[in-house]
Protein backbone atom coordinates (compact mmCIF):
# COMPACT_ATOMS: atom_id res chain seq x y z
CA MET A 1 -5.22 18.81 -23.25
CA ASN A 2 -3.85 17.06 -20.15
CA GLN A 3 -0.09 16.78 -20.15
CA THR A 4 1.35 13.30 -19.78
CA LYS A 5 3.77 13.09 -16.86
CA THR A 6 4.14 9.43 -15.92
CA LEU A 7 4.49 6.12 -17.75
CA ALA A 8 4.69 2.51 -16.56
CA LEU A 9 6.27 -0.15 -18.75
CA PHE A 10 5.87 -3.87 -17.99
CA CYS A 11 8.46 -6.22 -19.49
CA LYS A 12 8.88 -9.99 -19.27
CA VAL A 13 12.25 -11.18 -20.55
CA VAL A 14 11.62 -13.98 -23.06
CA ASP A 15 14.42 -13.60 -25.61
CA ASN A 16 17.13 -12.98 -22.98
CA TYR A 17 18.19 -9.52 -24.14
CA GLY A 18 15.96 -8.33 -26.98
CA ASP A 19 12.89 -7.67 -24.84
CA ILE A 20 14.65 -5.82 -22.06
CA GLY A 21 16.92 -4.13 -24.59
CA ILE A 22 13.96 -2.50 -26.31
CA CYS A 23 12.24 -1.54 -23.08
CA TRP A 24 15.41 -0.08 -21.57
CA ARG A 25 16.16 2.05 -24.64
CA LEU A 26 12.57 3.28 -24.72
CA ALA A 27 12.49 4.06 -21.00
CA ARG A 28 15.74 6.06 -21.10
CA GLN A 29 14.68 8.00 -24.17
CA LEU A 30 11.34 8.94 -22.63
CA VAL A 31 13.12 10.25 -19.53
CA ARG A 32 15.96 12.02 -21.30
CA GLU A 33 14.21 13.52 -24.31
CA HIS A 34 10.59 13.88 -23.18
CA ASP A 35 10.88 14.48 -19.41
CA ILE A 36 8.55 11.58 -18.62
CA ASP A 37 8.66 9.91 -15.19
CA VAL A 38 9.11 6.25 -16.18
CA THR A 39 8.64 3.15 -14.03
CA LEU A 40 10.00 -0.05 -15.57
CA TRP A 41 8.72 -3.37 -14.21
CA VAL A 42 11.04 -6.27 -15.16
CA ASP A 43 10.83 -9.94 -14.18
CA ASP A 44 14.47 -10.88 -14.94
CA LEU A 45 16.99 -8.45 -13.51
CA ARG A 46 19.97 -10.74 -14.15
CA SER A 47 19.53 -10.56 -17.90
CA PHE A 48 18.93 -6.83 -17.54
CA ALA A 49 22.23 -6.40 -15.68
CA ARG A 50 24.19 -7.98 -18.54
CA ILE A 51 23.33 -5.07 -20.83
CA CYS A 52 23.23 -2.48 -18.04
CA PRO A 53 25.86 -3.20 -15.35
CA GLN A 54 24.44 -0.46 -13.10
CA VAL A 55 21.38 -2.65 -12.43
CA ASP A 56 21.49 -4.55 -9.13
CA PRO A 57 19.91 -7.99 -9.79
CA ALA A 58 19.05 -8.37 -6.08
CA ALA A 59 17.26 -5.05 -5.61
CA ALA A 60 13.48 -4.95 -5.37
CA ALA A 61 13.50 -1.28 -6.36
CA GLN A 62 16.21 0.99 -7.72
CA GLN A 63 16.75 3.96 -9.98
CA VAL A 64 19.16 3.93 -12.93
CA ALA A 65 19.57 6.71 -15.52
CA GLY A 66 16.51 8.44 -14.11
CA VAL A 67 14.28 5.36 -14.57
CA SER A 68 12.58 3.75 -11.56
CA ILE A 69 13.10 -0.02 -11.87
CA TYR A 70 11.04 -2.58 -9.98
CA HIS A 71 11.56 -6.32 -9.83
CA TRP A 72 8.30 -7.76 -11.15
CA ARG A 73 8.13 -10.96 -9.12
CA ASP A 74 4.57 -12.17 -9.62
CA GLN A 75 0.99 -11.19 -10.45
CA ASP A 76 -0.01 -10.56 -6.85
CA GLY A 77 -0.17 -7.29 -5.00
CA THR A 78 -2.57 -4.52 -4.14
CA TYR A 79 -2.40 -1.29 -6.10
CA TYR A 80 -4.22 2.00 -5.76
CA ALA A 81 -5.35 4.57 -8.30
CA GLU A 82 -2.55 6.91 -7.26
CA ASP A 83 -0.02 4.16 -8.13
CA VAL A 84 -1.14 4.08 -11.77
CA ALA A 85 0.74 6.01 -14.45
CA ASP A 86 -0.80 8.26 -17.12
CA ILE A 87 0.37 5.80 -19.77
CA VAL A 88 0.57 2.05 -19.11
CA ILE A 89 2.46 -0.10 -21.61
CA GLU A 90 2.51 -3.87 -21.68
CA PHE A 91 5.33 -5.03 -23.90
CA PHE A 92 4.46 -7.79 -26.33
CA ALA A 93 1.16 -8.81 -24.73
CA VAL A 94 2.38 -9.52 -21.21
CA ASP A 95 -0.31 -9.79 -18.54
CA ILE A 96 -0.23 -6.80 -16.20
CA PRO A 97 -0.99 -7.75 -12.57
CA PRO A 98 -4.78 -7.89 -12.09
CA GLY A 99 -4.55 -5.55 -9.12
CA TYR A 100 -2.85 -2.93 -11.23
CA VAL A 101 -5.51 -3.22 -13.93
CA THR A 102 -8.24 -2.79 -11.31
CA ALA A 103 -6.47 0.32 -10.03
CA MET A 104 -6.31 1.64 -13.61
CA ALA A 105 -10.10 1.49 -13.78
CA GLN A 106 -10.39 3.35 -10.47
CA ARG A 107 -8.59 6.44 -11.74
CA GLN A 108 -10.86 9.38 -12.47
CA VAL A 109 -8.89 10.09 -15.64
CA LYS A 110 -8.24 6.66 -17.10
CA PRO A 111 -4.69 5.93 -18.24
CA VAL A 112 -3.82 5.37 -21.87
CA TRP A 113 -3.25 1.62 -22.07
CA LEU A 114 -1.04 0.36 -24.87
CA ASN A 115 0.13 -3.06 -25.97
CA LEU A 116 3.50 -2.39 -27.60
CA GLU A 117 3.78 -5.17 -30.16
CA GLY A 118 6.74 -6.87 -31.82
CA LEU A 119 8.34 -5.48 -34.95
CA THR A 120 7.47 -6.89 -38.35
CA ALA A 121 7.57 -5.64 -41.93
CA GLU A 122 4.40 -7.53 -42.90
CA GLU A 123 1.69 -5.37 -44.44
CA TRP A 124 -1.08 -6.47 -42.08
CA VAL A 125 0.31 -4.40 -39.19
CA GLU A 126 -0.76 -1.18 -40.90
CA GLY A 127 -4.37 -2.22 -40.49
CA CYS A 128 -3.90 -3.20 -36.84
CA HIS A 129 -1.80 -0.28 -35.63
CA THR A 130 -3.66 1.69 -32.88
CA LEU A 131 -6.73 -0.58 -33.02
CA PRO A 132 -8.74 -0.50 -29.76
CA SER A 133 -9.73 -3.43 -27.57
CA MET A 134 -12.35 -2.95 -24.84
CA HIS A 135 -11.80 -4.65 -21.50
CA PRO A 136 -14.56 -7.27 -20.99
CA ARG A 137 -15.50 -6.03 -17.51
CA LEU A 138 -13.82 -2.72 -16.68
CA PRO A 139 -14.21 0.74 -18.25
CA LEU A 140 -10.83 0.51 -19.95
CA THR A 141 -9.69 0.41 -23.56
CA LYS A 142 -6.36 -0.94 -24.71
CA HIS A 143 -4.78 0.06 -28.01
CA PHE A 144 -2.31 -1.98 -30.02
CA PHE A 145 0.78 -0.03 -31.00
CA PHE A 146 3.03 -1.49 -33.67
CA PRO A 147 6.58 -0.38 -34.45
CA GLY A 148 7.28 -0.61 -38.13
CA PHE A 149 8.80 0.62 -41.34
CA THR A 150 6.05 2.83 -42.80
CA ALA A 151 4.18 6.01 -41.94
CA ARG A 152 1.14 3.90 -40.98
CA THR A 153 3.03 2.29 -38.08
CA GLY A 154 4.77 3.61 -34.98
CA GLY A 155 8.24 3.78 -36.52
CA LEU A 156 11.47 2.55 -34.91
CA LEU A 157 13.30 3.40 -31.71
CA ARG A 158 15.89 6.09 -32.43
CA GLU A 159 17.39 8.57 -30.01
CA ALA A 160 18.02 12.17 -30.98
CA GLY A 161 21.65 12.66 -31.94
CA LEU A 162 22.26 8.99 -32.67
CA PHE A 163 23.46 9.56 -36.22
CA ASP A 164 25.76 12.40 -35.21
CA GLU A 165 27.39 10.21 -32.57
CA ARG A 166 27.72 7.32 -35.03
CA ASP A 167 29.23 9.48 -37.76
CA ARG A 168 31.79 11.01 -35.42
CA PHE A 169 32.86 7.54 -34.32
CA GLN A 170 33.05 6.08 -37.81
CA ARG A 171 35.05 9.04 -39.12
CA ASP A 172 37.60 8.86 -36.30
CA PRO A 173 40.14 6.03 -36.86
CA ALA A 174 41.72 6.65 -33.46
CA ALA A 175 38.38 6.31 -31.66
CA ARG A 176 37.58 3.07 -33.51
CA SER A 177 41.04 1.65 -32.81
CA ALA A 178 40.83 2.56 -29.13
CA PHE A 179 37.40 0.97 -28.81
CA LEU A 180 38.40 -2.26 -30.56
CA GLY A 181 41.68 -2.37 -28.67
CA GLY A 182 39.71 -2.13 -25.45
CA LEU A 183 37.91 -5.31 -26.51
CA GLY A 184 41.29 -7.01 -27.03
CA LEU A 185 41.63 -6.83 -30.82
CA ASP A 186 45.22 -6.55 -32.02
CA ALA A 187 46.31 -4.70 -35.14
CA GLY A 188 45.80 -7.71 -37.40
CA GLU A 189 42.23 -8.27 -36.21
CA GLN A 190 41.43 -4.60 -36.59
CA ALA A 191 42.73 -4.62 -40.17
CA ALA A 192 40.72 -7.74 -41.08
CA CYS A 193 37.13 -7.85 -42.26
CA LYS A 194 35.34 -7.61 -38.91
CA VAL A 195 32.08 -9.52 -38.41
CA SER A 196 29.99 -9.32 -35.26
CA LEU A 197 28.05 -12.54 -34.67
CA PHE A 198 24.95 -12.54 -32.45
CA CYS A 199 22.71 -15.44 -33.39
CA TYR A 200 20.46 -18.20 -32.04
CA PRO A 201 21.90 -21.68 -31.31
CA HIS A 202 20.57 -23.28 -34.50
CA ALA A 203 22.47 -20.92 -36.82
CA PRO A 204 24.75 -22.58 -39.43
CA VAL A 205 27.88 -21.18 -37.83
CA ALA A 206 30.12 -24.19 -38.50
CA GLY A 207 29.72 -23.85 -42.27
CA LEU A 208 30.44 -20.15 -42.14
CA PHE A 209 33.52 -20.67 -39.96
CA ASP A 210 34.82 -23.22 -42.44
CA ALA A 211 34.31 -20.83 -45.37
CA TRP A 212 36.09 -18.03 -43.54
CA GLN A 213 39.03 -20.25 -42.61
CA ARG A 214 39.52 -21.24 -46.24
CA GLY A 215 38.85 -17.79 -47.67
CA ALA A 216 41.21 -15.47 -49.51
CA ALA A 217 41.13 -12.60 -46.98
CA PRO A 218 41.37 -12.48 -43.17
CA VAL A 219 38.17 -12.33 -41.15
CA ALA A 220 37.88 -11.43 -37.46
CA CYS A 221 34.65 -12.83 -36.01
CA LEU A 222 33.58 -11.18 -32.74
CA VAL A 223 31.16 -13.30 -30.72
CA PRO A 224 29.52 -12.38 -27.40
CA GLU A 225 30.13 -14.90 -24.65
CA GLY A 226 27.53 -17.68 -24.70
CA VAL A 227 26.55 -17.21 -28.36
CA ALA A 228 27.11 -20.15 -30.76
CA LYS A 229 28.99 -21.72 -27.88
CA ASP A 230 29.29 -25.23 -29.33
CA GLU A 231 30.76 -24.05 -32.63
CA VAL A 232 32.98 -21.51 -30.88
CA ARG A 233 34.20 -24.17 -28.44
CA ASP A 234 35.06 -26.49 -31.30
CA PHE A 235 36.95 -23.73 -33.09
CA LEU A 236 38.83 -22.60 -30.00
CA GLY A 237 39.56 -26.08 -28.72
CA GLY A 238 38.52 -24.94 -25.26
CA GLU A 239 35.90 -23.11 -23.26
CA PRO A 240 34.51 -20.03 -25.03
CA ALA A 241 34.97 -17.63 -22.14
CA ALA A 242 35.22 -13.88 -22.69
CA GLY A 243 38.71 -13.02 -23.90
CA ALA A 244 39.34 -16.36 -25.59
CA VAL A 245 40.78 -16.04 -29.08
CA ARG A 246 42.25 -18.34 -31.72
CA THR A 247 43.29 -18.06 -35.35
CA GLN A 248 42.95 -20.91 -37.84
CA GLY A 249 43.63 -20.28 -41.51
CA MET A 250 42.22 -16.88 -42.44
CA LEU A 251 39.76 -16.78 -39.52
CA THR A 252 40.23 -15.35 -36.04
CA VAL A 253 37.42 -15.90 -33.56
CA ARG A 254 37.38 -13.71 -30.46
CA VAL A 255 34.88 -14.10 -27.61
CA LEU A 256 33.66 -10.79 -26.21
CA PRO A 257 32.02 -10.08 -22.87
CA PHE A 258 28.48 -8.77 -22.97
CA VAL A 259 28.75 -5.01 -23.11
CA PRO A 260 26.42 -2.12 -22.24
CA GLN A 261 24.08 -1.01 -25.00
CA ALA A 262 26.17 2.03 -25.93
CA ASP A 263 29.22 -0.18 -26.51
CA TYR A 264 27.17 -2.67 -28.50
CA ASP A 265 26.19 0.19 -30.79
CA ARG A 266 29.88 1.05 -31.21
CA LEU A 267 30.65 -2.57 -32.00
CA LEU A 268 28.07 -2.51 -34.79
CA TRP A 269 29.48 0.79 -36.05
CA ALA A 270 33.04 -0.58 -36.03
CA CYS A 271 32.38 -3.85 -37.86
CA ASP A 272 32.14 -4.37 -41.61
CA VAL A 273 29.28 -6.90 -41.37
CA ASN A 274 26.87 -7.52 -38.52
CA ILE A 275 24.87 -10.69 -37.92
CA VAL A 276 22.17 -9.90 -35.38
CA ARG A 277 19.24 -11.58 -33.71
CA GLY A 278 16.05 -10.48 -31.99
CA GLU A 279 14.44 -7.06 -32.30
CA ASP A 280 16.75 -4.70 -30.45
CA SER A 281 19.98 -5.60 -32.25
CA PHE A 282 17.99 -5.87 -35.50
CA VAL A 283 17.00 -2.20 -35.27
CA ARG A 284 20.44 -1.07 -34.09
CA ALA A 285 22.06 -2.83 -37.05
CA GLN A 286 19.90 -0.78 -39.39
CA TRP A 287 21.02 2.46 -37.73
CA ALA A 288 24.67 1.34 -37.89
CA GLY A 289 24.80 1.83 -41.65
CA ARG A 290 26.65 -1.44 -42.26
CA PRO A 291 25.56 -4.52 -44.23
CA PHE A 292 23.85 -6.97 -41.90
CA ALA A 293 21.97 -10.24 -41.77
CA TRP A 294 19.07 -10.75 -39.36
CA HIS A 295 18.84 -14.15 -37.68
CA ILE A 296 15.14 -14.23 -36.92
CA TYR A 297 13.58 -16.03 -33.96
CA PRO A 298 12.30 -19.42 -35.15
CA GLN A 299 8.57 -20.17 -35.23
CA ASP A 300 6.54 -23.30 -35.88
CA GLU A 301 5.93 -24.25 -39.51
CA ASN A 302 8.68 -21.81 -40.53
CA LEU A 303 6.39 -18.81 -40.15
CA HIS A 304 9.48 -16.75 -39.39
CA HIS A 305 10.61 -17.24 -42.98
CA LYS A 306 7.55 -15.29 -44.15
CA LYS A 307 8.40 -12.52 -41.70
CA LEU A 308 12.01 -12.50 -42.88
CA ARG A 309 11.03 -12.32 -46.55
CA ALA A 310 8.67 -9.42 -45.82
CA PHE A 311 11.53 -7.44 -44.36
CA LEU A 312 14.02 -8.35 -47.08
CA LEU A 313 11.51 -7.32 -49.73
CA ARG A 314 11.33 -3.83 -48.25
CA TYR A 315 14.93 -3.49 -47.18
CA CYS A 316 16.74 -4.80 -50.23
CA ALA A 317 14.50 -3.27 -52.88
CA ALA A 318 14.50 0.13 -51.19
CA GLN A 319 18.21 0.70 -51.29
CA TYR A 320 20.09 -1.90 -53.21
CA GLY A 321 18.15 -2.92 -56.30
CA ASP A 322 20.07 -5.53 -58.25
CA ASP A 323 23.00 -5.27 -55.81
CA ALA A 324 20.83 -6.82 -53.09
CA GLY A 325 21.14 -10.36 -54.42
CA PRO A 326 24.19 -11.47 -52.41
CA LEU A 327 22.90 -9.89 -49.19
CA GLU A 328 19.45 -11.41 -49.58
CA ARG A 329 20.81 -14.87 -50.43
CA PHE A 330 23.18 -14.78 -47.47
CA ALA A 331 20.38 -13.81 -45.07
CA LEU A 332 18.02 -16.47 -46.39
CA ALA A 333 20.68 -19.18 -46.16
CA PHE A 334 21.66 -18.16 -42.64
CA ASN A 335 18.02 -18.58 -41.61
CA GLY A 336 17.76 -22.04 -43.12
CA VAL A 337 15.60 -21.11 -46.10
CA GLU A 338 18.28 -22.57 -48.35
CA GLN A 339 19.58 -25.99 -47.36
CA ASN A 340 23.15 -27.14 -48.07
CA ALA A 341 24.22 -23.56 -48.65
CA ASP A 342 27.40 -22.81 -50.55
CA TRP A 343 28.99 -20.72 -47.79
CA PRO A 344 32.27 -19.97 -49.62
CA GLY A 345 30.32 -18.75 -52.64
CA LEU A 346 27.80 -16.81 -50.59
CA TRP A 347 30.51 -15.07 -48.59
CA GLN A 348 32.60 -14.30 -51.64
CA SER A 349 29.62 -12.66 -53.35
CA LEU A 350 28.68 -10.65 -50.27
CA SER A 351 32.17 -9.57 -49.22
CA GLY A 352 32.89 -8.24 -52.68
CA ARG A 353 30.08 -5.69 -52.35
CA LEU A 354 30.46 -4.50 -48.76
CA ASP A 355 31.60 -0.98 -49.61
CA GLN A 356 28.74 -0.42 -52.07
CA LEU A 357 26.19 -1.83 -49.64
CA ALA A 358 27.42 0.34 -46.76
CA CYS A 359 27.33 3.51 -48.89
CA ARG A 360 23.77 2.86 -50.02
CA SER A 361 22.39 2.11 -46.56
CA ALA A 362 21.63 5.84 -46.20
CA ASN A 363 18.74 5.38 -48.64
CA TRP A 364 17.00 3.04 -46.22
CA GLN A 365 17.71 5.20 -43.19
CA ASN A 366 16.40 8.35 -44.90
CA ALA A 367 13.17 6.54 -45.71
CA LEU A 368 12.77 5.48 -42.08
CA LEU A 369 13.45 8.99 -40.79
CA GLU A 370 10.33 10.21 -42.55
CA ASN A 371 8.26 8.04 -40.18
CA GLY A 372 9.52 9.75 -37.02
CA ASP A 373 10.74 7.76 -34.03
CA LEU A 374 8.82 5.28 -31.91
CA ALA A 375 9.01 7.15 -28.60
CA SER A 376 7.74 10.43 -30.04
CA ASN A 377 5.02 8.73 -32.06
CA LEU A 378 3.89 6.75 -29.03
CA LEU A 379 3.58 9.88 -26.88
CA ALA A 380 1.77 11.77 -29.62
CA PHE A 381 -0.80 9.00 -29.90
CA ALA A 382 -1.21 8.75 -26.12
CA ARG A 383 -1.82 12.48 -25.80
CA SER A 384 -4.40 12.34 -28.59
CA MET A 385 -6.35 9.84 -26.47
CA ARG A 386 -6.57 12.04 -23.37
C-alpha cells in the first residue's frame, strides 16, 4: 500500500469563521498527529487571521504551525503533476482551479479526491457517505465524505488529548479564573451564570436580553465583537467594541475580542451555557460538555429547521430523555421555530437544569467516540483507495 505523505485542502470562506475554522483544525491535526504535509489554500486571509493571529493577511505564501498556507486569489494558474498532493480535498463543494484538476489527471498515481461536505444529522448522509463521482472528461473520481454522528459517516473533528486538556481546565478553579480575568471579567461576572453568545444577526437576542435583565439570578453574557451588534449597541448605549461592558438589572453584557481557536475552546469550557453558530463552534460546543443551543445558518423555505430538528432528535434523546424538553424548546425558539417565545419562561426552565444537563453530556460524547475522529477516518478511507 502506498503511504500518503501530502494533502491539499481548498477552502473558500463563506460563513466568515466556520469554514476556515474547520479547515484550520483539520490541517493542524493532520500535521501534528499524522505527519502529513498539508497545503491549505484559502481565499480570505483576513477572516483567517481573526482566529489565528499568526496568519499574515498580506502574504501570498506562509507557513504556520507546520501548515503551508497559500492565498487562493482566483481560478487561474498553471500547475504540474508534481504540484499535486496525494490527497486533494475541496471543502463544501468549492471549485478547485481547473489547472490543478488537469494536473491531478496527469499524475501517474492519481490523487484521492474528496469533497468534504457540511455536517448534518439527517439520515440521508449515511447513504451518500463515500459515494463516487466520475469526472466527465478526465480519468479522475471524486468521493463525497460526510462528517456525522454515526458509524456510517466520517465522524467529527476531535484532536487527541482534547478531553484531558478540557478536564484539567474545568477542574482547576484558578486556571478558569485566570482565563476569564484575562478577558476582563471581574469577580461578580465570574460568579454569575456565564453565557457565551455567538449567533447570526437575525437571532432573537433582544428578547433574551430582556428576560435576563428581569431574571432572578445574575447572568454574564459574553459576546464576540461584531456579533449581535445592534442589540449589543442598544444594551450598552454605545459602540460594541471589544472591552465594552455594562450591567442593567441582573444582566451584564461584555464584548470580547475574537480569540484564537484554543482560547475559544476555553471560553466554551468556562461558560455554563453556550450559544453557537456554524459548524466549527457547533462541534466544539459538543466537546465542551456544557448545555448549548445551536443557531443554525438560515436556508430558504426554513429548510434549516428540518436540519435542526434532525440533530435535536439525536442529541436530546441520546442523553437527556425527558430532561431534554427545556433545552430543545430553547433551541427551537432561538431558531425562530416558535414565534412570540416566552423567553423568561424558557430561560427559567433551562437554567434550572444546567447541572443535570452538563453531567449527562458525557453520554453523548461517549457515543460519538465510538465513531472515531474525522481526520483519522478520512485518512483511512483515502489509503483504502490507493
